[in-house]
């Protein structure tokens, strides 16, 4: 009996955790959808980012409806709807048909080219963690081609988990591109340090950063293979770190008011 009671308590705790998670997602989604009722481009872009970050399973359907011109709002009711292909209005948060007549002031959530790019980046970010490697690769390509830097945290999370070599390469390129964009926007300069990699990887990444106009420093030197400059786990020891600092010394000379950042590969 004590064992059964313990199992019941564990089950109740698990259900409580699941319900708390669902409630948190719903609250986050409701707050995100509220931005679409303002009929303001700045509010809409915030809504796009917040819907993508909500963790709700409804996020993709809402963003695709916005992309396809099928996301509507009512300023009077402070509500957001998806117009189905049959013309029916669905509650955006639940996906259920609305009860009663459609609101008289229902209108499309307006988007422009900047918002279209934000939608593409948000959808790409949602798919970066998909189970299908091909879907993850396509998502990485979509994020890479977009002009949005808001996907950076999602790219970093996906890259840390990725095992497929082709997808990992695409994610790395997307990450470098977005970091370069973000730092350029702030008036700074981003520099990639080509560190531990084989000859093929080095050549490929050199071609990539050169093609994108990204600054880089290539640490392809004999000292990199010196076992005396490595710790047992093959990480650089203090001696190698000091040598690397000398090789990239020009990066440390920063004019007042500028922002320089280096990323190591």
C-alpha atoms as a PDB file:
ATOM      1  CA  UNK A   1       0.000   0.000   0.000  1.00  0.00           C
ATOM      2  CA  UNK A   2       2.738   2.575   0.849  1.00  0.00           C
ATOM      3  CA  UNK A   3       4.282   1.871  -2.556  1.00  0.00           C
ATOM      4  CA  UNK A   4       0.964   2.459  -4.344  1.00  0.00           C
ATOM      5  CA  UNK A   5       0.472   5.666  -2.363  1.00  0.00           C
ATOM      6  CA  UNK A   6       3.982   6.820  -3.360  1.00  0.00           C
ATOM      7  CA  UNK A   7       3.221   6.037  -7.016  1.00  0.00           C
ATOM      8  CA  UNK A   8      -0.022   8.004  -6.812  1.00  0.00           C
ATOM      9  CA  UNK A   9       1.794  10.995  -5.313  1.00  0.00           C
ATOM     10  CA  UNK A  10       4.438  10.819  -8.055  1.00  0.00           C
ATOM     11  CA  UNK A  11       1.727  10.638 -10.731  1.00  0.00           C
ATOM     12  CA  UNK A  12      -0.117  13.624  -9.259  1.00  0.00           C
ATOM     13  CA  UNK A  13       3.108  15.634  -9.153  1.00  0.00           C
ATOM     14  CA  UNK A  14       3.841  14.745 -12.769  1.00  0.00           C
ATOM     15  CA  UNK A  15       0.338  15.760 -13.855  1.00  0.00           C
ATOM     16  CA  UNK A  16       0.672  18.991 -11.892  1.00  0.00           C
ATOM     17  CA  UNK A  17       3.940  19.777 -13.669  1.00  0.00           C
ATOM     18  CA  UNK A  18       2.382  19.066 -17.080  1.00  0.00           C
ATOM     19  CA  UNK A  19      -0.658  21.257 -16.343  1.00  0.00           C
ATOM     20  CA  UNK A  20       1.595  24.059 -15.103  1.00  0.00           C
ATOM     21  CA  UNK A  21       3.598  23.870 -18.323  1.00  0.00           C
ATOM     22  CA  UNK A  22       0.459  23.932 -20.491  1.00  0.00           C
ATOM     23  CA  UNK A  23      -0.921  26.886 -18.496  1.00  0.00           C
ATOM     24  CA  UNK A  24       2.370  28.778 -18.871  1.00  0.00           C
ATOM     25  CA  UNK A  25       2.382  28.197 -22.641  1.00  0.00           C
ATOM     26  CA  UNK A  26      -1.230  29.374 -22.919  1.00  0.00           C
ATOM     27  CA  UNK A  27      -0.551  32.536 -20.907  1.00  0.00           C
ATOM     28  CA  UNK A  28       2.563  33.297 -22.956  1.00  0.00           C
ATOM     29  CA  UNK A  29       0.634  32.776 -26.201  1.00  0.00           C
ATOM     30  CA  UNK A  30      -2.251  35.017 -25.094  1.00  0.00           C
ATOM     31  CA  UNK A  31       0.188  37.799 -24.255  1.00  0.00           C
ATOM     32  CA  UNK A  32       1.952  37.343 -27.595  1.00  0.00           C
ATOM     33  CA  UNK A  33      -1.304  37.428 -29.579  1.00  0.00           C
ATOM     34  CA  UNK A  34      -2.329  40.695 -27.920  1.00  0.00           C
ATOM     35  CA  UNK A  35       0.391  42.483 -29.910  1.00  0.00           C
ATOM     36  CA  UNK A  36      -1.440  41.685 -33.161  1.00  0.00           C
ATOM     37  CA  UNK A  37      -4.505  43.691 -32.099  1.00  0.00           C
ATOM     38  CA  UNK A  38      -2.608  47.012 -32.085  1.00  0.00           C
ATOM     39  CA  UNK A  39      -2.452  47.372 -35.900  1.00  0.00           C
ATOM     40  CA  UNK A  40       1.129  48.597 -35.574  1.00  0.00           C
ATOM     41  CA  UNK A  41       4.126  47.116 -37.390  1.00  0.00           C
ATOM     42  CA  UNK A  42       6.403  47.414 -34.345  1.00  0.00           C
ATOM     43  CA  UNK A  43       3.842  45.615 -32.179  1.00  0.00           C
ATOM     44  CA  UNK A  44       3.374  42.953 -34.849  1.00  0.00           C
ATOM     45  CA  UNK A  45       7.079  42.132 -35.017  1.00  0.00           C
ATOM     46  CA  UNK A  46       7.078  41.792 -31.221  1.00  0.00           C
ATOM     47  CA  UNK A  47       4.090  39.475 -31.545  1.00  0.00           C
ATOM     48  CA  UNK A  48       5.921  37.336 -34.098  1.00  0.00           C
ATOM     49  CA  UNK A  49       8.923  36.916 -31.814  1.00  0.00           C
ATOM     50  CA  UNK A  50       6.784  36.247 -28.750  1.00  0.00           C
ATOM     51  CA  UNK A  51       4.575  33.690 -30.504  1.00  0.00           C
ATOM     52  CA  UNK A  52       7.700  31.822 -31.672  1.00  0.00           C
ATOM     53  CA  UNK A  53       9.144  31.935 -28.148  1.00  0.00           C
ATOM     54  CA  UNK A  54       5.903  30.913 -26.409  1.00  0.00           C
ATOM     55  CA  UNK A  55       6.536  27.189 -26.718  1.00  0.00           C
ATOM     56  CA  UNK A  56       2.915  26.714 -27.779  1.00  0.00           C
ATOM     57  CA  UNK A  57       2.065  23.955 -30.281  1.00  0.00           C
ATOM     58  CA  UNK A  58      -0.148  26.578 -31.988  1.00  0.00           C
ATOM     59  CA  UNK A  59       2.805  28.834 -32.813  1.00  0.00           C
ATOM     60  CA  UNK A  60       3.534  27.495 -36.300  1.00  0.00           C
ATOM     61  CA  UNK A  61      -0.136  27.578 -37.399  1.00  0.00           C
ATOM     62  CA  UNK A  62      -0.456  31.202 -36.237  1.00  0.00           C
ATOM     63  CA  UNK A  63       2.713  32.347 -37.994  1.00  0.00           C
ATOM     64  CA  UNK A  64       1.773  30.555 -41.215  1.00  0.00           C
ATOM     65  CA  UNK A  65      -1.672  32.179 -41.110  1.00  0.00           C
ATOM     66  CA  UNK A  66       0.012  35.573 -40.735  1.00  0.00           C
ATOM     67  CA  UNK A  67       2.338  34.752 -43.613  1.00  0.00           C
ATOM     68  CA  UNK A  68      -0.603  33.709 -45.832  1.00  0.00           C
ATOM     69  CA  UNK A  69      -2.778  36.740 -44.993  1.00  0.00           C
ATOM     70  CA  UNK A  70      -5.225  34.647 -42.974  1.00  0.00           C
ATOM     71  CA  UNK A  71      -4.600  36.104 -39.504  1.00  0.00           C
ATOM     72  CA  UNK A  72      -7.311  38.557 -38.422  1.00  0.00           C
ATOM     73  CA  UNK A  73      -7.863  40.662 -35.322  1.00  0.00           C
ATOM     74  CA  UNK A  74     -10.655  42.523 -33.599  1.00  0.00           C
ATOM     75  CA  UNK A  75      -9.558  45.676 -31.797  1.00  0.00           C
ATOM     76  CA  UNK A  76     -12.951  45.860 -30.083  1.00  0.00           C
ATOM     77  CA  UNK A  77     -12.795  42.332 -28.659  1.00  0.00           C
ATOM     78  CA  UNK A  78      -8.987  42.297 -28.306  1.00  0.00           C
ATOM     79  CA  UNK A  79      -9.023  38.923 -30.040  1.00  0.00           C
ATOM     80  CA  UNK A  80      -7.078  37.246 -32.848  1.00  0.00           C
ATOM     81  CA  UNK A  81      -8.470  34.757 -35.354  1.00  0.00           C
ATOM     82  CA  UNK A  82      -7.347  32.491 -38.158  1.00  0.00           C
ATOM     83  CA  UNK A  83      -9.511  32.470 -41.280  1.00  0.00           C
ATOM     84  CA  UNK A  84      -9.796  28.895 -42.523  1.00  0.00           C
ATOM     85  CA  UNK A  85      -9.798  27.965 -46.211  1.00  0.00           C
ATOM     86  CA  UNK A  86     -13.571  27.523 -45.941  1.00  0.00           C
ATOM     87  CA  UNK A  87     -13.945  31.090 -44.656  1.00  0.00           C
ATOM     88  CA  UNK A  88     -14.698  30.212 -41.033  1.00  0.00           C
ATOM     89  CA  UNK A  89     -13.022  32.096 -38.202  1.00  0.00           C
ATOM     90  CA  UNK A  90     -11.041  30.041 -35.694  1.00  0.00           C
ATOM     91  CA  UNK A  91      -9.777  31.237 -32.357  1.00  0.00           C
ATOM     92  CA  UNK A  92      -6.034  31.646 -32.952  1.00  0.00           C
ATOM     93  CA  UNK A  93      -5.045  30.426 -29.485  1.00  0.00           C
ATOM     94  CA  UNK A  94      -7.157  27.262 -29.440  1.00  0.00           C
ATOM     95  CA  UNK A  95      -7.822  26.547 -33.112  1.00  0.00           C
ATOM     96  CA  UNK A  96     -11.526  26.087 -32.304  1.00  0.00           C
ATOM     97  CA  UNK A  97     -14.313  27.764 -34.366  1.00  0.00           C
ATOM     98  CA  UNK A  98     -15.628  30.918 -32.728  1.00  0.00           C
ATOM     99  CA  UNK A  99     -19.163  30.950 -31.377  1.00  0.00           C
ATOM    100  CA  UNK A 100     -21.707  33.403 -32.770  1.00  0.00           C
ATOM    101  CA  UNK A 101     -21.170  35.999 -35.478  1.00  0.00           C
ATOM    102  CA  UNK A 102     -17.788  37.270 -36.565  1.00  0.00           C
ATOM    103  CA  UNK A 103     -16.863  40.649 -35.049  1.00  0.00           C
ATOM    104  CA  UNK A 104     -17.890  43.554 -37.272  1.00  0.00           C
ATOM    105  CA  UNK A 105     -14.435  45.138 -37.073  1.00  0.00           C
ATOM    106  CA  UNK A 106     -12.463  41.978 -37.940  1.00  0.00           C
ATOM    107  CA  UNK A 107      -9.552  42.878 -40.226  1.00  0.00           C
ATOM    108  CA  UNK A 108      -6.313  41.328 -41.478  1.00  0.00           C
ATOM    109  CA  UNK A 109      -3.126  41.787 -39.468  1.00  0.00           C
ATOM    110  CA  UNK A 110      -1.030  43.861 -41.879  1.00  0.00           C
ATOM    111  CA  UNK A 111       2.545  42.878 -42.775  1.00  0.00           C
ATOM    112  CA  UNK A 112       5.317  44.412 -44.878  1.00  0.00           C
ATOM    113  CA  UNK A 113       8.584  43.061 -46.317  1.00  0.00           C
ATOM    114  CA  UNK A 114      10.420  43.462 -43.014  1.00  0.00           C
ATOM    115  CA  UNK A 115       7.731  41.467 -41.231  1.00  0.00           C
ATOM    116  CA  UNK A 116       7.783  38.784 -43.928  1.00  0.00           C
ATOM    117  CA  UNK A 117      11.473  38.304 -43.186  1.00  0.00           C
ATOM    118  CA  UNK A 118      10.748  38.115 -39.455  1.00  0.00           C
ATOM    119  CA  UNK A 119       8.050  35.477 -40.067  1.00  0.00           C
ATOM    120  CA  UNK A 120      10.412  33.361 -42.188  1.00  0.00           C
ATOM    121  CA  UNK A 121      13.115  33.560 -39.525  1.00  0.00           C
ATOM    122  CA  UNK A 122      10.641  32.677 -36.761  1.00  0.00           C
ATOM    123  CA  UNK A 123       9.294  29.682 -38.694  1.00  0.00           C
ATOM    124  CA  UNK A 124      12.848  28.574 -39.428  1.00  0.00           C
ATOM    125  CA  UNK A 125      13.684  28.824 -35.742  1.00  0.00           C
ATOM    126  CA  UNK A 126      10.682  26.659 -34.821  1.00  0.00           C
ATOM    127  CA  UNK A 127      11.875  23.923 -37.200  1.00  0.00           C
ATOM    128  CA  UNK A 128      15.547  23.968 -36.151  1.00  0.00           C
ATOM    129  CA  UNK A 129      14.789  21.415 -33.441  1.00  0.00           C
ATOM    130  CA  UNK A 130      12.608  19.122 -35.605  1.00  0.00           C
ATOM    131  CA  UNK A 131      13.268  15.365 -35.536  1.00  0.00           C
ATOM    132  CA  UNK A 132      13.804  15.165 -39.322  1.00  0.00           C
ATOM    133  CA  UNK A 133      17.395  16.132 -40.334  1.00  0.00           C
ATOM    134  CA  UNK A 134      16.172  17.362 -43.740  1.00  0.00           C
ATOM    135  CA  UNK A 135      13.671  19.681 -42.049  1.00  0.00           C
ATOM    136  CA  UNK A 136      16.410  20.995 -39.745  1.00  0.00           C
ATOM    137  CA  UNK A 137      18.711  21.594 -42.720  1.00  0.00           C
ATOM    138  CA  UNK A 138      15.993  23.486 -44.624  1.00  0.00           C
ATOM    139  CA  UNK A 139      15.259  25.527 -41.485  1.00  0.00           C
ATOM    140  CA  UNK A 140      18.933  26.429 -41.084  1.00  0.00           C
ATOM    141  CA  UNK A 141      19.017  27.545 -44.714  1.00  0.00           C
ATOM    142  CA  UNK A 142      15.890  29.677 -44.215  1.00  0.00           C
ATOM    143  CA  UNK A 143      17.360  31.353 -41.129  1.00  0.00           C
ATOM    144  CA  UNK A 144      20.639  31.930 -42.966  1.00  0.00           C
ATOM    145  CA  UNK A 145      18.883  33.686 -45.863  1.00  0.00           C
ATOM    146  CA  UNK A 146      16.694  35.864 -43.632  1.00  0.00           C
ATOM    147  CA  UNK A 147      17.764  39.295 -42.418  1.00  0.00           C
ATOM    148  CA  UNK A 148      16.630  38.649 -38.856  1.00  0.00           C
ATOM    149  CA  UNK A 149      19.098  38.174 -35.989  1.00  0.00           C
ATOM    150  CA  UNK A 150      16.410  37.259 -33.433  1.00  0.00           C
ATOM    151  CA  UNK A 151      16.965  33.538 -34.155  1.00  0.00           C
ATOM    152  CA  UNK A 152      20.481  33.603 -32.655  1.00  0.00           C
ATOM    153  CA  UNK A 153      19.546  31.965 -29.304  1.00  0.00           C
ATOM    154  CA  UNK A 154      17.602  29.198 -31.089  1.00  0.00           C
ATOM    155  CA  UNK A 155      20.496  28.573 -33.497  1.00  0.00           C
ATOM    156  CA  UNK A 156      22.920  28.248 -30.586  1.00  0.00           C
ATOM    157  CA  UNK A 157      20.594  25.802 -28.795  1.00  0.00           C
ATOM    158  CA  UNK A 158      20.103  23.720 -31.956  1.00  0.00           C
ATOM    159  CA  UNK A 159      23.841  23.707 -32.736  1.00  0.00           C
ATOM    160  CA  UNK A 160      24.697  22.385 -29.265  1.00  0.00           C
ATOM    161  CA  UNK A 161      22.349  19.416 -29.822  1.00  0.00           C
ATOM    162  CA  UNK A 162      23.005  18.708 -33.507  1.00  0.00           C
ATOM    163  CA  UNK A 163      24.712  15.434 -34.509  1.00  0.00           C
ATOM    164  CA  UNK A 164      24.167  15.458 -38.282  1.00  0.00           C
ATOM    165  CA  UNK A 165      27.329  16.864 -39.962  1.00  0.00           C
ATOM    166  CA  UNK A 166      25.497  18.531 -42.869  1.00  0.00           C
ATOM    167  CA  UNK A 167      22.966  20.225 -40.584  1.00  0.00           C
ATOM    168  CA  UNK A 168      25.702  21.232 -38.128  1.00  0.00           C
ATOM    169  CA  UNK A 169      27.619  22.944 -40.928  1.00  0.00           C
ATOM    170  CA  UNK A 170      24.487  24.809 -42.070  1.00  0.00           C
ATOM    171  CA  UNK A 171      23.733  25.881 -38.492  1.00  0.00           C
ATOM    172  CA  UNK A 172      27.309  27.085 -37.962  1.00  0.00           C
ATOM    173  CA  UNK A 173      27.168  29.181 -41.122  1.00  0.00           C
ATOM    174  CA  UNK A 174      23.807  30.640 -40.083  1.00  0.00           C
ATOM    175  CA  UNK A 175      25.227  31.446 -36.634  1.00  0.00           C
ATOM    176  CA  UNK A 176      28.289  33.205 -38.077  1.00  0.00           C
ATOM    177  CA  UNK A 177      26.144  35.179 -40.522  1.00  0.00           C
ATOM    178  CA  UNK A 178      23.710  36.327 -37.815  1.00  0.00           C
ATOM    179  CA  UNK A 179      26.474  37.225 -35.350  1.00  0.00           C
ATOM    180  CA  UNK A 180      28.185  39.282 -38.034  1.00  0.00           C
ATOM    181  CA  UNK A 181      24.890  41.048 -38.838  1.00  0.00           C
ATOM    182  CA  UNK A 182      24.171  41.736 -35.170  1.00  0.00           C
ATOM    183  CA  UNK A 183      27.590  43.214 -34.456  1.00  0.00           C
ATOM    184  CA  UNK A 184      27.681  45.267 -37.666  1.00  0.00           C
ATOM    185  CA  UNK A 185      24.304  46.730 -36.681  1.00  0.00           C
ATOM    186  CA  UNK A 186      25.913  47.914 -33.440  1.00  0.00           C
ATOM    187  CA  UNK A 187      28.755  49.546 -35.367  1.00  0.00           C
ATOM    188  CA  UNK A 188      31.270  46.850 -34.465  1.00  0.00           C
ATOM    189  CA  UNK A 189      33.361  44.258 -36.269  1.00  0.00           C
ATOM    190  CA  UNK A 190      32.988  40.494 -35.909  1.00  0.00           C
ATOM    191  CA  UNK A 191      36.035  38.291 -36.518  1.00  0.00           C
ATOM    192  CA  UNK A 192      36.052  34.498 -36.859  1.00  0.00           C
ATOM    193  CA  UNK A 193      39.085  32.630 -35.505  1.00  0.00           C
ATOM    194  CA  UNK A 194      39.748  29.403 -37.422  1.00  0.00           C
ATOM    195  CA  UNK A 195      41.177  27.197 -34.685  1.00  0.00           C
ATOM    196  CA  UNK A 196      41.043  23.387 -34.340  1.00  0.00           C
ATOM    197  CA  UNK A 197      39.832  21.850 -37.605  1.00  0.00           C
ATOM    198  CA  UNK A 198      41.125  19.561 -40.327  1.00  0.00           C
ATOM    199  CA  UNK A 199      42.391  20.816 -43.684  1.00  0.00           C
ATOM    200  CA  UNK A 200      39.069  20.275 -45.463  1.00  0.00           C
ATOM    201  CA  UNK A 201      37.036  22.098 -42.806  1.00  0.00           C
ATOM    202  CA  UNK A 202      39.570  24.937 -42.727  1.00  0.00           C
ATOM    203  CA  UNK A 203      39.401  25.403 -46.499  1.00  0.00           C
ATOM    204  CA  UNK A 204      35.594  25.276 -46.513  1.00  0.00           C
ATOM    205  CA  UNK A 205      35.201  27.819 -43.705  1.00  0.00           C
ATOM    206  CA  UNK A 206      37.833  30.099 -45.240  1.00  0.00           C
ATOM    207  CA  UNK A 207      35.802  30.109 -48.466  1.00  0.00           C
ATOM    208  CA  UNK A 208      32.598  30.768 -46.547  1.00  0.00           C
ATOM    209  CA  UNK A 209      33.775  33.714 -44.438  1.00  0.00           C
ATOM    210  CA  UNK A 210      35.559  35.251 -47.433  1.00  0.00           C
ATOM    211  CA  UNK A 211      32.417  34.933 -49.570  1.00  0.00           C
ATOM    212  CA  UNK A 212      30.351  36.691 -46.864  1.00  0.00           C
ATOM    213  CA  UNK A 213      32.902  39.439 -46.240  1.00  0.00           C
ATOM    214  CA  UNK A 214      33.424  38.304 -42.625  1.00  0.00           C
ATOM    215  CA  UNK A 215      36.766  39.094 -41.003  1.00  0.00           C
ATOM    216  CA  UNK A 216      38.805  36.059 -39.924  1.00  0.00           C
ATOM    217  CA  UNK A 217      42.152  35.006 -38.453  1.00  0.00           C
ATOM    218  CA  UNK A 218      43.526  31.607 -39.480  1.00  0.00           C
ATOM    219  CA  UNK A 219      45.484  29.905 -36.686  1.00  0.00           C
ATOM    220  CA  UNK A 220      46.907  27.254 -39.037  1.00  0.00           C
ATOM    221  CA  UNK A 221      50.406  27.111 -37.501  1.00  0.00           C
ATOM    222  CA  UNK A 222      52.821  24.295 -36.570  1.00  0.00           C
ATOM    223  CA  UNK A 223      52.440  25.112 -32.858  1.00  0.00           C
ATOM    224  CA  UNK A 224      48.797  23.978 -33.021  1.00  0.00           C
ATOM    225  CA  UNK A 225      50.015  20.365 -33.313  1.00  0.00           C
ATOM    226  CA  UNK A 226      52.523  20.566 -30.472  1.00  0.00           C
ATOM    227  CA  UNK A 227      51.323  18.163 -27.757  1.00  0.00           C
ATOM    228  CA  UNK A 228      53.287  20.121 -25.144  1.00  0.00           C
ATOM    229  CA  UNK A 229      50.872  23.004 -25.693  1.00  0.00           C
ATOM    230  CA  UNK A 230      47.811  20.849 -25.042  1.00  0.00           C
ATOM    231  CA  UNK A 231      46.090  19.609 -21.916  1.00  0.00           C
ATOM    232  CA  UNK A 232      45.238  15.877 -21.582  1.00  0.00           C
ATOM    233  CA  UNK A 233      41.755  16.506 -23.055  1.00  0.00           C
ATOM    234  CA  UNK A 234      43.404  18.215 -26.093  1.00  0.00           C
ATOM    235  CA  UNK A 235      42.232  21.700 -25.087  1.00  0.00           C
ATOM    236  CA  UNK A 236      44.854  24.484 -25.400  1.00  0.00           C
ATOM    237  CA  UNK A 237      46.946  25.048 -22.301  1.00  0.00           C
ATOM    238  CA  UNK A 238      48.048  28.463 -21.077  1.00  0.00           C
ATOM    239  CA  UNK A 239      51.075  28.470 -23.374  1.00  0.00           C
ATOM    240  CA  UNK A 240      49.007  27.924 -26.510  1.00  0.00           C
ATOM    241  CA  UNK A 241      46.420  30.453 -25.397  1.00  0.00           C
ATOM    242  CA  UNK A 242      49.192  33.032 -25.048  1.00  0.00           C
ATOM    243  CA  UNK A 243      50.442  32.244 -28.549  1.00  0.00           C
ATOM    244  CA  UNK A 244      46.924  32.555 -29.975  1.00  0.00           C
ATOM    245  CA  UNK A 245      46.554  35.933 -28.243  1.00  0.00           C
ATOM    246  CA  UNK A 246      49.730  37.076 -30.026  1.00  0.00           C
ATOM    247  CA  UNK A 247      48.490  35.806 -33.401  1.00  0.00           C
ATOM    248  CA  UNK A 248      45.249  37.745 -33.072  1.00  0.00           C
ATOM    249  CA  UNK A 249      46.831  40.780 -31.382  1.00  0.00           C
ATOM    250  CA  UNK A 250      45.423  43.246 -33.977  1.00  0.00           C
ATOM    251  CA  UNK A 251      41.907  42.406 -32.710  1.00  0.00           C
ATOM    252  CA  UNK A 252      42.792  43.864 -29.339  1.00  0.00           C
ATOM    253  CA  UNK A 253      43.512  47.353 -30.707  1.00  0.00           C
ATOM    254  CA  UNK A 254      40.032  48.849 -30.571  1.00  0.00           C
ATOM    255  CA  UNK A 255      39.263  52.493 -31.226  1.00  0.00           C
ATOM    256  CA  UNK A 256      37.140  54.305 -28.686  1.00  0.00           C
ATOM    257  CA  UNK A 257      33.446  53.884 -29.366  1.00  0.00           C
ATOM    258  CA  UNK A 258      33.801  50.731 -31.467  1.00  0.00           C
ATOM    259  CA  UNK A 259      32.748  47.192 -30.683  1.00  0.00           C
ATOM    260  CA  UNK A 260      34.819  44.175 -31.759  1.00  0.00           C
ATOM    261  CA  UNK A 261      34.021  40.551 -31.120  1.00  0.00           C
ATOM    262  CA  UNK A 262      35.694  37.314 -32.123  1.00  0.00           C
ATOM    263  CA  UNK A 263      34.134  33.884 -32.563  1.00  0.00           C
ATOM    264  CA  UNK A 264      36.338  30.784 -32.419  1.00  0.00           C
ATOM    265  CA  UNK A 265      35.828  27.754 -34.648  1.00  0.00           C
END
